Amino acid sequence: MAAKQGAAATTYSPKIMARTRPPIFKGSDLDWTRPDGRGFHQCRPALLQTGAVSAASGSAYAEFGNTKVIVSVFGPRESKKATSYSDVGRLNCNVSYTNFASPTLGSQGTDHKEYSSMLHKALEGVIMMETFPKTTVDVFALVLESGGSDLPVVISCAGLALADAGIMMYDLITAVSVSCIGKSLMIDPVTEEEGCEDGSFMMTCMPSRSEITQLTITGEWTTPNINEAMQLCVDACSKLGEIMRDCLKQAASASDE
């Protein structure tokens, strides 16, 4: 695999809220900290690169802490499933895991149908489907290592790969998640935090247009916590979008040299 030059690992944490965070656990666990030592509102450093797969129309590699993802985009190419002319193109998405991505997967990798569907829903509102009629764009995401917040990383990496492929989009797409544990909110959760969360919140948006393309909430949430989680995600998505644009600019500059 040949990779173009990409940006170094950069943080994109949202602004720290003025409100003091209550402890997650009581008694002897008052000094509990996040597994990787981050603050509750601190995101993992993001390492992004484009051109990770030379055979693809466009590709990207993303590393957020221990979560490592590679996305390849092929097309637009002739749609084999189309039976009649269509004014808009087709989008196919597939998310899969390597056999070494997570100990829980065993010795065989697996396709993740739910994540594939959610990736499709997140991207279909961003891509200008009318710009490639009667053709198909295929997006293949491979999770090399599962370290938590896998789907947001997949979505953000897919947006970068689509831009690298020259697919017309209304804007870049970014995604961030928040876990609710007790009364505390933790942005960009790792696997251990996702395993004990009371609720999860994921937002995908177009940062330059300030438009949300997908919002997923599971578990029990209070209205104040939902509002706070939304503010955290919007701010983090905006900063992540800046990192992605810088990555694309550096790749373009490197290709011109």
C-alpha atoms as a PDB file:
ATOM      1  CA  MET A   1       0.000   0.000   0.000  1.00  0.00           C
ATOM      2  CA  ALA A   2       1.307   3.384  -0.961  1.00  0.00           C
ATOM      3  CA  ALA A   3       0.251   6.322   1.153  1.00  0.00           C
ATOM      4  CA  LYS A   4       0.291  10.020   0.443  1.00  0.00           C
ATOM      5  CA  GLN A   5       1.590  12.402   3.027  1.00  0.00           C
ATOM      6  CA  GLY A   6      -0.929  13.094   5.787  1.00  0.00           C
ATOM      7  CA  ALA A   7      -1.203  15.251   8.873  1.00  0.00           C
ATOM      8  CA  ALA A   8       0.383  14.234  12.140  1.00  0.00           C
ATOM      9  CA  ALA A   9      -1.819  13.106  15.014  1.00  0.00           C
ATOM     10  CA  THR A  10      -3.905  16.093  16.087  1.00  0.00           C
ATOM     11  CA  THR A  11      -6.447  16.545  18.845  1.00  0.00           C
ATOM     12  CA  TYR A  12      -9.900  17.973  18.176  1.00  0.00           C
ATOM     13  CA  SER A  13     -11.436  18.161  21.650  1.00  0.00           C
ATOM     14  CA  PRO A  14     -14.434  20.452  22.162  1.00  0.00           C
ATOM     15  CA  LYS A  15     -14.304  23.407  24.511  1.00  0.00           C
ATOM     16  CA  ILE A  16     -14.396  22.468  28.173  1.00  0.00           C
ATOM     17  CA  MET A  17     -17.713  23.287  29.797  1.00  0.00           C
ATOM     18  CA  ALA A  18     -17.623  25.615  32.767  1.00  0.00           C
ATOM     19  CA  ARG A  19     -19.834  23.245  34.736  1.00  0.00           C
ATOM     20  CA  THR A  20     -17.977  20.966  37.170  1.00  0.00           C
ATOM     21  CA  ARG A  21     -18.316  17.290  36.337  1.00  0.00           C
ATOM     22  CA  PRO A  22     -19.634  15.014  39.112  1.00  0.00           C
ATOM     23  CA  PRO A  23     -17.663  11.827  39.870  1.00  0.00           C
ATOM     24  CA  ILE A  24     -18.716   8.640  38.093  1.00  0.00           C
ATOM     25  CA  PHE A  25     -18.208   6.388  41.091  1.00  0.00           C
ATOM     26  CA  LYS A  26     -18.488   7.034  44.810  1.00  0.00           C
ATOM     27  CA  GLY A  27     -16.480   6.049  47.860  1.00  0.00           C
ATOM     28  CA  SER A  28     -13.206   4.327  47.091  1.00  0.00           C
ATOM     29  CA  ASP A  29     -13.559   5.029  43.368  1.00  0.00           C
ATOM     30  CA  LEU A  30     -13.585   8.835  43.622  1.00  0.00           C
ATOM     31  CA  ASP A  31     -10.151   9.016  41.978  1.00  0.00           C
ATOM     32  CA  TRP A  32     -11.313   6.996  38.948  1.00  0.00           C
ATOM     33  CA  THR A  33      -9.971   8.251  35.633  1.00  0.00           C
ATOM     34  CA  ARG A  34     -10.566   7.239  32.023  1.00  0.00           C
ATOM     35  CA  PRO A  35      -8.588   4.148  30.899  1.00  0.00           C
ATOM     36  CA  ASP A  36      -6.303   6.241  28.687  1.00  0.00           C
ATOM     37  CA  GLY A  37      -5.984   9.130  31.123  1.00  0.00           C
ATOM     38  CA  ARG A  38      -7.999  11.679  29.116  1.00  0.00           C
ATOM     39  CA  GLY A  39     -10.383  14.214  30.555  1.00  0.00           C
ATOM     40  CA  PHE A  40     -14.105  13.560  30.124  1.00  0.00           C
ATOM     41  CA  HIS A  41     -14.320  16.122  27.316  1.00  0.00           C
ATOM     42  CA  GLN A  42     -11.006  15.303  25.668  1.00  0.00           C
ATOM     43  CA  CYS A  43     -10.895  13.409  22.347  1.00  0.00           C
ATOM     44  CA  ARG A  44      -8.164  10.999  21.327  1.00  0.00           C
ATOM     45  CA  PRO A  45      -5.442  12.299  18.977  1.00  0.00           C
ATOM     46  CA  ALA A  46      -6.450  11.786  15.344  1.00  0.00           C
ATOM     47  CA  LEU A  47      -3.990  10.621  12.698  1.00  0.00           C
ATOM     48  CA  LEU A  48      -5.337  10.901   9.141  1.00  0.00           C
ATOM     49  CA  GLN A  49      -3.778   9.974   5.790  1.00  0.00           C
ATOM     50  CA  THR A  50      -5.127   9.803   2.254  1.00  0.00           C
ATOM     51  CA  GLY A  51      -4.062   7.528  -0.586  1.00  0.00           C
ATOM     52  CA  ALA A  52      -3.661   4.466   1.614  1.00  0.00           C
ATOM     53  CA  VAL A  53      -4.765   2.060  -1.173  1.00  0.00           C
ATOM     54  CA  SER A  54      -3.213   2.813  -4.555  1.00  0.00           C
ATOM     55  CA  ALA A  55      -5.637   0.580  -6.503  1.00  0.00           C
ATOM     56  CA  ALA A  56      -8.709   2.463  -5.271  1.00  0.00           C
ATOM     57  CA  SER A  57     -10.236   5.626  -6.737  1.00  0.00           C
ATOM     58  CA  GLY A  58      -9.693   7.187  -3.341  1.00  0.00           C
ATOM     59  CA  SER A  59      -8.792   5.951   0.123  1.00  0.00           C
ATOM     60  CA  ALA A  60      -7.965   7.063   3.629  1.00  0.00           C
ATOM     61  CA  TYR A  61      -6.471   5.741   6.841  1.00  0.00           C
ATOM     62  CA  ALA A  62      -7.608   6.928  10.266  1.00  0.00           C
ATOM     63  CA  GLU A  63      -6.098   6.212  13.648  1.00  0.00           C
ATOM     64  CA  PHE A  64      -7.903   7.480  16.731  1.00  0.00           C
ATOM     65  CA  GLY A  65      -6.056   6.074  19.711  1.00  0.00           C
ATOM     66  CA  ASN A  66      -6.234   2.285  19.374  1.00  0.00           C
ATOM     67  CA  THR A  67      -9.011   2.430  16.765  1.00  0.00           C
ATOM     68  CA  LYS A  68      -7.528   1.966  13.295  1.00  0.00           C
ATOM     69  CA  VAL A  69      -9.616   2.064  10.114  1.00  0.00           C
ATOM     70  CA  ILE A  70      -8.895   2.036   6.385  1.00  0.00           C
ATOM     71  CA  VAL A  71     -11.537   2.989   3.802  1.00  0.00           C
ATOM     72  CA  SER A  72     -11.363   2.401   0.038  1.00  0.00           C
ATOM     73  CA  VAL A  73     -13.658   4.024  -2.524  1.00  0.00           C
ATOM     74  CA  PHE A  74     -14.192   2.579  -6.015  1.00  0.00           C
ATOM     75  CA  GLY A  75     -16.082   4.341  -8.780  1.00  0.00           C
ATOM     76  CA  PRO A  76     -18.162   5.868 -10.068  1.00  0.00           C
ATOM     77  CA  ARG A  77     -18.393   2.764 -12.253  1.00  0.00           C
ATOM     78  CA  GLU A  78     -21.104   1.083 -14.285  1.00  0.00           C
ATOM     79  CA  SER A  79     -23.921  -0.155 -12.119  1.00  0.00           C
ATOM     80  CA  LYS A  80     -24.481  -3.875 -12.704  1.00  0.00           C
ATOM     81  CA  LYS A  81     -27.644  -4.055 -10.620  1.00  0.00           C
ATOM     82  CA  ALA A  82     -29.479  -1.197 -12.323  1.00  0.00           C
ATOM     83  CA  THR A  83     -32.258  -2.485 -14.605  1.00  0.00           C
ATOM     84  CA  SER A  84     -33.245   0.909 -15.989  1.00  0.00           C
ATOM     85  CA  TYR A  85     -31.819   4.399 -16.344  1.00  0.00           C
ATOM     86  CA  SER A  86     -31.678   6.432 -13.154  1.00  0.00           C
ATOM     87  CA  ASP A  87     -31.024  10.148 -12.749  1.00  0.00           C
ATOM     88  CA  VAL A  88     -29.087   9.485  -9.558  1.00  0.00           C
ATOM     89  CA  GLY A  89     -26.228   7.153  -8.786  1.00  0.00           C
ATOM     90  CA  ARG A  90     -26.098   4.221  -6.395  1.00  0.00           C
ATOM     91  CA  LEU A  91     -24.117   4.006  -3.186  1.00  0.00           C
ATOM     92  CA  ASN A  92     -22.939   0.709  -1.716  1.00  0.00           C
ATOM     93  CA  CYS A  93     -21.331   0.585   1.717  1.00  0.00           C
ATOM     94  CA  ASN A  94     -19.678  -2.281   3.547  1.00  0.00           C
ATOM     95  CA  VAL A  95     -18.060  -2.280   6.979  1.00  0.00           C
ATOM     96  CA  SER A  96     -16.013  -5.303   8.015  1.00  0.00           C
ATOM     97  CA  TYR A  97     -13.558  -6.268  10.738  1.00  0.00           C
ATOM     98  CA  THR A  98     -10.271  -8.097  10.395  1.00  0.00           C
ATOM     99  CA  ASN A  99      -9.837 -11.321  12.340  1.00  0.00           C
ATOM    100  CA  PHE A 100      -7.391  -9.537  14.652  1.00  0.00           C
ATOM    101  CA  ALA A 101      -9.436  -6.370  15.191  1.00  0.00           C
ATOM    102  CA  SER A 102     -10.880  -7.493  18.500  1.00  0.00           C
ATOM    103  CA  PRO A 103     -10.480 -10.524  20.781  1.00  0.00           C
ATOM    104  CA  THR A 104     -14.277 -10.992  20.794  1.00  0.00           C
ATOM    105  CA  LEU A 105     -14.338 -11.701  17.040  1.00  0.00           C
ATOM    106  CA  GLY A 106     -12.413 -14.957  17.356  1.00  0.00           C
ATOM    107  CA  SER A 107     -10.283 -16.245  14.502  1.00  0.00           C
ATOM    108  CA  GLN A 108     -12.464 -14.914  11.672  1.00  0.00           C
ATOM    109  CA  GLY A 109     -13.247 -11.378  10.585  1.00  0.00           C
ATOM    110  CA  THR A 110     -16.840 -10.401  10.040  1.00  0.00           C
ATOM    111  CA  ASP A 111     -19.051  -8.032   8.094  1.00  0.00           C
ATOM    112  CA  HIS A 112     -21.013  -5.620  10.248  1.00  0.00           C
ATOM    113  CA  LYS A 113     -24.426  -5.211   8.592  1.00  0.00           C
ATOM    114  CA  GLU A 114     -25.702  -2.669  11.113  1.00  0.00           C
ATOM    115  CA  TYR A 115     -22.646  -0.451  10.714  1.00  0.00           C
ATOM    116  CA  SER A 116     -22.843  -0.835   6.918  1.00  0.00           C
ATOM    117  CA  SER A 117     -26.427   0.407   6.973  1.00  0.00           C
ATOM    118  CA  MET A 118     -25.617   3.319   9.280  1.00  0.00           C
ATOM    119  CA  LEU A 119     -22.618   4.302   7.145  1.00  0.00           C
ATOM    120  CA  HIS A 120     -24.881   4.334   4.078  1.00  0.00           C
ATOM    121  CA  LYS A 121     -27.437   6.536   5.854  1.00  0.00           C
ATOM    122  CA  ALA A 122     -24.730   8.958   6.956  1.00  0.00           C
ATOM    123  CA  LEU A 123     -23.155   9.281   3.500  1.00  0.00           C
ATOM    124  CA  GLU A 124     -26.238   9.394   1.272  1.00  0.00           C
ATOM    125  CA  GLY A 125     -27.163  12.850   2.554  1.00  0.00           C
ATOM    126  CA  VAL A 126     -23.687  14.234   1.810  1.00  0.00           C
ATOM    127  CA  ILE A 127     -22.885  12.850  -1.640  1.00  0.00           C
ATOM    128  CA  MET A 128     -24.300  14.590  -4.723  1.00  0.00           C
ATOM    129  CA  MET A 129     -25.813  11.420  -6.141  1.00  0.00           C
ATOM    130  CA  GLU A 130     -27.130  13.215  -9.241  1.00  0.00           C
ATOM    131  CA  THR A 131     -23.575  13.879 -10.441  1.00  0.00           C
ATOM    132  CA  PHE A 132     -23.016  10.233 -11.446  1.00  0.00           C
ATOM    133  CA  PRO A 133     -26.289   8.862 -12.921  1.00  0.00           C
ATOM    134  CA  LYS A 134     -26.582   5.143 -13.691  1.00  0.00           C
ATOM    135  CA  THR A 135     -23.289   4.431 -11.977  1.00  0.00           C
ATOM    136  CA  THR A 136     -22.260   3.111  -8.576  1.00  0.00           C
ATOM    137  CA  VAL A 137     -19.851   4.246  -5.894  1.00  0.00           C
ATOM    138  CA  ASP A 138     -18.626   1.494  -3.591  1.00  0.00           C
ATOM    139  CA  VAL A 139     -17.291   2.321  -0.122  1.00  0.00           C
ATOM    140  CA  PHE A 140     -15.428  -0.427   1.731  1.00  0.00           C
ATOM    141  CA  ALA A 141     -14.407   0.198   5.336  1.00  0.00           C
ATOM    142  CA  LEU A 142     -12.102  -2.206   7.125  1.00  0.00           C
ATOM    143  CA  VAL A 143     -11.573  -1.937  10.880  1.00  0.00           C
ATOM    144  CA  LEU A 144      -7.999  -3.024  11.478  1.00  0.00           C
ATOM    145  CA  GLU A 145      -8.189  -2.598  15.233  1.00  0.00           C
ATOM    146  CA  SER A 146     -11.247  -1.966  17.381  1.00  0.00           C
ATOM    147  CA  GLY A 147     -10.475   0.402  20.230  1.00  0.00           C
ATOM    148  CA  GLY A 148     -13.857   2.059  20.772  1.00  0.00           C
ATOM    149  CA  SER A 149     -16.022   4.559  18.868  1.00  0.00           C
ATOM    150  CA  ASP A 150     -15.508   2.427  15.759  1.00  0.00           C
ATOM    151  CA  LEU A 151     -18.483   3.710  13.756  1.00  0.00           C
ATOM    152  CA  PRO A 152     -17.708   7.448  14.139  1.00  0.00           C
ATOM    153  CA  VAL A 153     -14.132   6.784  13.021  1.00  0.00           C
ATOM    154  CA  VAL A 154     -15.385   4.737  10.040  1.00  0.00           C
ATOM    155  CA  ILE A 155     -17.760   7.513   8.969  1.00  0.00           C
ATOM    156  CA  SER A 156     -15.156  10.273   9.251  1.00  0.00           C
ATOM    157  CA  CYS A 157     -12.569   8.163   7.425  1.00  0.00           C
ATOM    158  CA  ALA A 158     -15.105   7.410   4.678  1.00  0.00           C
ATOM    159  CA  GLY A 159     -15.735  11.114   4.184  1.00  0.00           C
ATOM    160  CA  LEU A 160     -12.008  11.684   3.766  1.00  0.00           C
ATOM    161  CA  ALA A 161     -11.724   8.786   1.293  1.00  0.00           C
ATOM    162  CA  LEU A 162     -14.652  10.109  -0.773  1.00  0.00           C
ATOM    163  CA  ALA A 163     -12.975  13.509  -0.991  1.00  0.00           C
ATOM    164  CA  ASP A 164      -9.713  11.812  -2.014  1.00  0.00           C
ATOM    165  CA  ALA A 165     -11.649  10.014  -4.783  1.00  0.00           C
ATOM    166  CA  GLY A 166     -13.014  13.304  -6.087  1.00  0.00           C
ATOM    167  CA  ILE A 167     -16.636  12.373  -5.382  1.00  0.00           C
ATOM    168  CA  MET A 168     -18.810  15.489  -5.387  1.00  0.00           C
ATOM    169  CA  MET A 169     -20.138  16.234  -1.901  1.00  0.00           C
ATOM    170  CA  TYR A 170     -21.993  19.078  -0.271  1.00  0.00           C
ATOM    171  CA  ASP A 171     -19.391  19.082   2.493  1.00  0.00           C
ATOM    172  CA  LEU A 172     -17.043  16.778   4.370  1.00  0.00           C
ATOM    173  CA  ILE A 173     -18.737  14.518   6.892  1.00  0.00           C
ATOM    174  CA  THR A 174     -17.524  14.040  10.455  1.00  0.00           C
ATOM    175  CA  ALA A 175     -18.828  11.903  13.299  1.00  0.00           C
ATOM    176  CA  VAL A 176     -18.310  11.918  17.058  1.00  0.00           C
ATOM    177  CA  SER A 177     -19.855   9.868  19.867  1.00  0.00           C
ATOM    178  CA  VAL A 178     -20.454  10.425  23.578  1.00  0.00           C
ATOM    179  CA  SER A 179     -21.041   7.853  26.316  1.00  0.00           C
ATOM    180  CA  CYS A 180     -23.167   8.497  29.392  1.00  0.00           C
ATOM    181  CA  ILE A 181     -21.944   6.704  32.515  1.00  0.00           C
ATOM    182  CA  GLY A 182     -23.842   7.609  35.625  1.00  0.00           C
ATOM    183  CA  LYS A 183     -24.291  11.371  35.508  1.00  0.00           C
ATOM    184  CA  SER A 184     -21.127  11.995  33.489  1.00  0.00           C
ATOM    185  CA  LEU A 185     -20.609  12.387  29.750  1.00  0.00           C
ATOM    186  CA  MET A 186     -17.418  11.169  28.089  1.00  0.00           C
ATOM    187  CA  ILE A 187     -16.649  12.080  24.510  1.00  0.00           C
ATOM    188  CA  ASP A 188     -14.945   9.685  22.090  1.00  0.00           C
ATOM    189  CA  PRO A 189     -15.288   6.623  24.381  1.00  0.00           C
ATOM    190  CA  VAL A 190     -12.946   3.645  24.247  1.00  0.00           C
ATOM    191  CA  THR A 191     -14.047   0.005  24.335  1.00  0.00           C
ATOM    192  CA  GLU A 192     -13.955  -0.277  28.133  1.00  0.00           C
ATOM    193  CA  GLU A 193     -16.198   2.775  28.509  1.00  0.00           C
ATOM    194  CA  GLU A 194     -18.651   1.570  25.871  1.00  0.00           C
ATOM    195  CA  GLY A 195     -18.943  -1.701  27.783  1.00  0.00           C
ATOM    196  CA  CYS A 196     -20.276  -0.028  30.936  1.00  0.00           C
ATOM    197  CA  GLU A 197     -22.163   2.943  29.458  1.00  0.00           C
ATOM    198  CA  ASP A 198     -25.764   3.683  30.404  1.00  0.00           C
ATOM    199  CA  GLY A 199     -26.395   5.365  27.072  1.00  0.00           C
ATOM    200  CA  SER A 200     -24.661   6.283  23.828  1.00  0.00           C
ATOM    201  CA  PHE A 201     -25.004   9.335  21.601  1.00  0.00           C
ATOM    202  CA  MET A 202     -23.565   9.638  18.089  1.00  0.00           C
ATOM    203  CA  MET A 203     -23.790  12.576  15.725  1.00  0.00           C
ATOM    204  CA  THR A 204     -22.682  12.889  12.116  1.00  0.00           C
ATOM    205  CA  CYS A 205     -22.712  16.289  10.499  1.00  0.00           C
ATOM    206  CA  MET A 206     -21.435  18.516   7.723  1.00  0.00           C
ATOM    207  CA  PRO A 207     -19.300  20.950   9.745  1.00  0.00           C
ATOM    208  CA  SER A 208     -19.065  23.801   7.225  1.00  0.00           C
ATOM    209  CA  ARG A 209     -22.833  23.820   6.713  1.00  0.00           C
ATOM    210  CA  SER A 210     -23.656  23.109  10.368  1.00  0.00           C
ATOM    211  CA  GLU A 211     -26.101  20.407   9.269  1.00  0.00           C
ATOM    212  CA  ILE A 212     -26.670  17.097  11.041  1.00  0.00           C
ATOM    213  CA  THR A 213     -27.001  14.088   8.755  1.00  0.00           C
ATOM    214  CA  GLN A 214     -27.530  11.419  11.399  1.00  0.00           C
ATOM    215  CA  LEU A 215     -28.295  11.277  15.114  1.00  0.00           C
ATOM    216  CA  THR A 216     -28.321   8.025  17.070  1.00  0.00           C
ATOM    217  CA  ILE A 217     -29.271   7.812  20.741  1.00  0.00           C
ATOM    218  CA  THR A 218     -29.522   4.635  22.810  1.00  0.00           C
ATOM    219  CA  GLY A 219     -30.129   4.088  26.508  1.00  0.00           C
ATOM    220  CA  GLU A 220     -31.562   6.501  29.058  1.00  0.00           C
ATOM    221  CA  TRP A 221     -30.853  10.210  28.649  1.00  0.00           C
ATOM    222  CA  THR A 222     -32.087  13.333  30.384  1.00  0.00           C
ATOM    223  CA  THR A 223     -32.860  16.428  28.331  1.00  0.00           C
ATOM    224  CA  PRO A 224     -29.929  18.425  29.826  1.00  0.00           C
ATOM    225  CA  ASN A 225     -27.523  15.577  29.029  1.00  0.00           C
ATOM    226  CA  ILE A 226     -28.782  15.364  25.447  1.00  0.00           C
ATOM    227  CA  ASN A 227     -28.273  19.110  25.007  1.00  0.00           C
ATOM    228  CA  GLU A 228     -24.766  18.914  26.463  1.00  0.00           C
ATOM    229  CA  ALA A 229     -23.848  15.887  24.350  1.00  0.00           C
ATOM    230  CA  MET A 230     -25.065  17.686  21.227  1.00  0.00           C
ATOM    231  CA  GLN A 231     -22.963  20.753  22.014  1.00  0.00           C
ATOM    232  CA  LEU A 232     -19.895  18.591  22.627  1.00  0.00           C
ATOM    233  CA  CYS A 233     -20.375  16.706  19.349  1.00  0.00           C
ATOM    234  CA  VAL A 234     -21.036  19.797  17.248  1.00  0.00           C
ATOM    235  CA  ASP A 235     -17.882  21.494  18.528  1.00  0.00           C
ATOM    236  CA  ALA A 236     -15.744  18.364  18.135  1.00  0.00           C
ATOM    237  CA  CYS A 237     -17.129  17.663  14.634  1.00  0.00           C
ATOM    238  CA  SER A 238     -16.240  21.195  13.576  1.00  0.00           C
ATOM    239  CA  LYS A 239     -12.646  20.838  14.803  1.00  0.00           C
ATOM    240  CA  LEU A 240     -12.324  17.384  13.257  1.00  0.00           C
ATOM    241  CA  GLY A 241     -13.498  18.850   9.945  1.00  0.00           C
ATOM    242  CA  GLU A 242     -10.640  21.369  10.075  1.00  0.00           C
ATOM    243  CA  ILE A 243      -8.147  18.544  10.629  1.00  0.00           C
ATOM    244  CA  MET A 244      -9.589  16.649   7.659  1.00  0.00           C
ATOM    245  CA  ARG A 245      -9.355  19.693   5.395  1.00  0.00           C
ATOM    246  CA  ASP A 246      -5.740  20.242   6.449  1.00  0.00           C
ATOM    247  CA  CYS A 247      -5.010  16.599   5.616  1.00  0.00           C
ATOM    248  CA  LEU A 248      -6.484  17.013   2.117  1.00  0.00           C
ATOM    249  CA  LYS A 249      -4.528  20.236   1.573  1.00  0.00           C
ATOM    250  CA  GLN A 250      -1.259  18.580   2.569  1.00  0.00           C
ATOM    251  CA  ALA A 251      -1.953  15.635   0.285  1.00  0.00           C
ATOM    252  CA  ALA A 252      -2.713  17.980  -2.625  1.00  0.00           C
ATOM    253  CA  SER A 253       0.467  19.971  -1.993  1.00  0.00           C
ATOM    254  CA  ALA A 254       2.544  16.787  -1.845  1.00  0.00           C
ATOM    255  CA  SER A 255       1.128  15.527  -5.167  1.00  0.00           C
ATOM    256  CA  ASP A 256       1.991  18.831  -6.868  1.00  0.00           C
ATOM    257  CA  GLU A 257       5.638  18.606  -5.840  1.00  0.00           C
END
